[in-house]
Amino acid sequence: MSGSDEPPHAPRIRALLPATEGENTGEIQVQWCAPSSSVSSYKVVVEGREGDALEFGEAVRQGLVGALEVGTKVCVEAVNAAGPSSPSEFSCKRTEGTL
């Protein structure tokens, strides 16, 4: 496990799922797995909204990113005192199908 003196490894996106019940119906829920690194928070970046990245605490592994069009790229970055993780093929995913 890498420490907080070096940027963390990238987290792995598990799924991009449409919320089907309640007040968040139609929004996309991002689920991810933690990397084997020291992490202080996670940043979820949606293509086209790079300036409005969503931040989640170190123990959180999912979050809502709002409604997205099919094909929109979503990336999750792990962050610690040394900076953010670098994007990788498994830390980003595009929405699929009908949302």
Protein backbone atom coordinates (compact mmCIF):
# COMPACT_ATOMS: atom_id res chain seq x y z
CA MET A 1 0.00 0.00 0.00
CA SER A 2 1.41 3.38 -0.96
CA GLY A 3 1.54 6.10 1.69
CA SER A 4 0.31 9.69 1.67
CA ASP A 5 3.72 10.98 0.52
CA GLU A 6 3.01 9.81 -3.05
CA PRO A 7 -0.16 10.17 -5.16
CA PRO A 8 -2.54 7.23 -4.76
CA HIS A 9 -3.19 4.55 -7.35
CA ALA A 10 -6.34 5.07 -9.40
CA PRO A 11 -9.59 3.61 -8.07
CA ARG A 12 -11.57 1.17 -10.25
CA ILE A 13 -15.08 2.08 -11.42
CA ARG A 14 -17.43 -0.83 -10.67
CA ALA A 15 -20.57 0.50 -12.32
CA LEU A 16 -22.53 3.45 -13.67
CA LEU A 17 -26.15 2.71 -12.75
CA PRO A 18 -29.31 4.74 -13.34
CA ALA A 19 -31.27 5.42 -10.15
CA THR A 20 -34.72 3.88 -10.65
CA GLU A 21 -36.54 4.86 -7.47
CA GLY A 22 -37.19 7.91 -5.32
CA GLU A 23 -36.30 11.54 -5.81
CA ASN A 24 -33.05 10.69 -7.66
CA THR A 25 -34.75 8.73 -10.48
CA GLY A 26 -32.90 9.35 -13.74
CA GLU A 27 -29.62 10.32 -12.09
CA ILE A 28 -26.52 8.17 -12.51
CA GLN A 29 -24.93 6.49 -9.51
CA VAL A 30 -21.18 5.91 -9.81
CA GLN A 31 -19.77 2.98 -7.79
CA TRP A 32 -16.03 2.43 -7.35
CA CYS A 33 -13.48 0.29 -5.53
CA ALA A 34 -10.73 1.80 -3.40
CA PRO A 35 -7.11 1.51 -4.54
CA SER A 36 -4.42 0.00 -2.33
CA SER A 37 -3.14 3.47 -1.41
CA SER A 38 -3.60 6.07 1.29
CA VAL A 39 -6.66 8.14 0.24
CA SER A 40 -8.13 11.27 1.86
CA SER A 41 -10.98 11.82 -0.64
CA TYR A 42 -12.35 10.90 -4.06
CA LYS A 43 -13.12 13.22 -6.94
CA VAL A 44 -15.67 12.26 -9.60
CA VAL A 45 -15.20 14.12 -12.88
CA VAL A 46 -17.90 14.10 -15.57
CA GLU A 47 -16.97 14.83 -19.19
CA GLY A 48 -18.07 18.37 -20.06
CA ARG A 49 -18.27 19.34 -16.37
CA GLU A 50 -14.57 19.13 -15.48
CA GLY A 51 -14.74 22.39 -13.50
CA ASP A 52 -17.55 21.01 -11.32
CA ALA A 53 -15.95 17.81 -10.03
CA LEU A 54 -17.80 16.19 -7.13
CA GLU A 55 -15.85 15.34 -3.97
CA PHE A 56 -16.57 12.43 -1.65
CA GLY A 57 -14.98 11.39 1.64
CA GLU A 58 -12.35 8.68 2.01
CA ALA A 59 -14.86 6.01 3.19
CA VAL A 60 -17.39 6.67 0.41
CA ARG A 61 -17.52 4.28 -2.57
CA GLN A 62 -20.50 5.64 -4.52
CA GLY A 63 -22.18 8.90 -5.42
CA LEU A 64 -24.80 10.49 -7.66
CA VAL A 65 -23.62 12.64 -10.57
CA GLY A 66 -26.97 13.77 -11.99
CA ALA A 67 -28.57 12.88 -15.31
CA LEU A 68 -26.12 12.08 -18.13
CA GLU A 69 -26.41 11.46 -21.84
CA VAL A 70 -25.44 8.06 -23.24
CA GLY A 71 -21.70 7.98 -24.00
CA THR A 72 -20.70 10.51 -21.34
CA LYS A 73 -17.32 9.69 -19.77
CA VAL A 74 -17.10 9.57 -15.97
CA CYS A 75 -13.75 9.28 -14.13
CA VAL A 76 -12.98 8.73 -10.45
CA GLU A 77 -9.72 10.05 -8.95
CA ALA A 78 -8.32 9.15 -5.55
CA VAL A 79 -6.72 12.10 -3.74
CA ASN A 80 -4.27 12.40 -0.83
CA ALA A 81 -1.77 15.00 0.45
CA ALA A 82 0.58 14.26 -2.49
CA GLY A 83 -2.12 14.93 -5.10
CA PRO A 84 -4.63 13.07 -7.27
CA SER A 85 -4.24 9.68 -8.92
CA SER A 86 -3.55 9.54 -12.65
CA PRO A 87 -6.45 8.46 -14.87
CA SER A 88 -6.34 4.89 -16.15
CA GLU A 89 -8.48 2.67 -18.36
CA PHE A 90 -10.22 1.23 -15.29
CA SER A 91 -10.83 4.54 -13.45
CA CYS A 92 -12.99 5.93 -16.28
CA LYS A 93 -16.13 4.57 -17.91
CA ARG A 94 -18.70 5.78 -20.44
CA THR A 95 -22.44 5.56 -19.83
CA GLU A 96 -24.13 2.92 -21.98
CA GLY A 97 -27.59 1.99 -23.23
CA THR A 98 -30.72 3.98 -22.52
CA LEU A 99 -30.58 6.14 -19.43
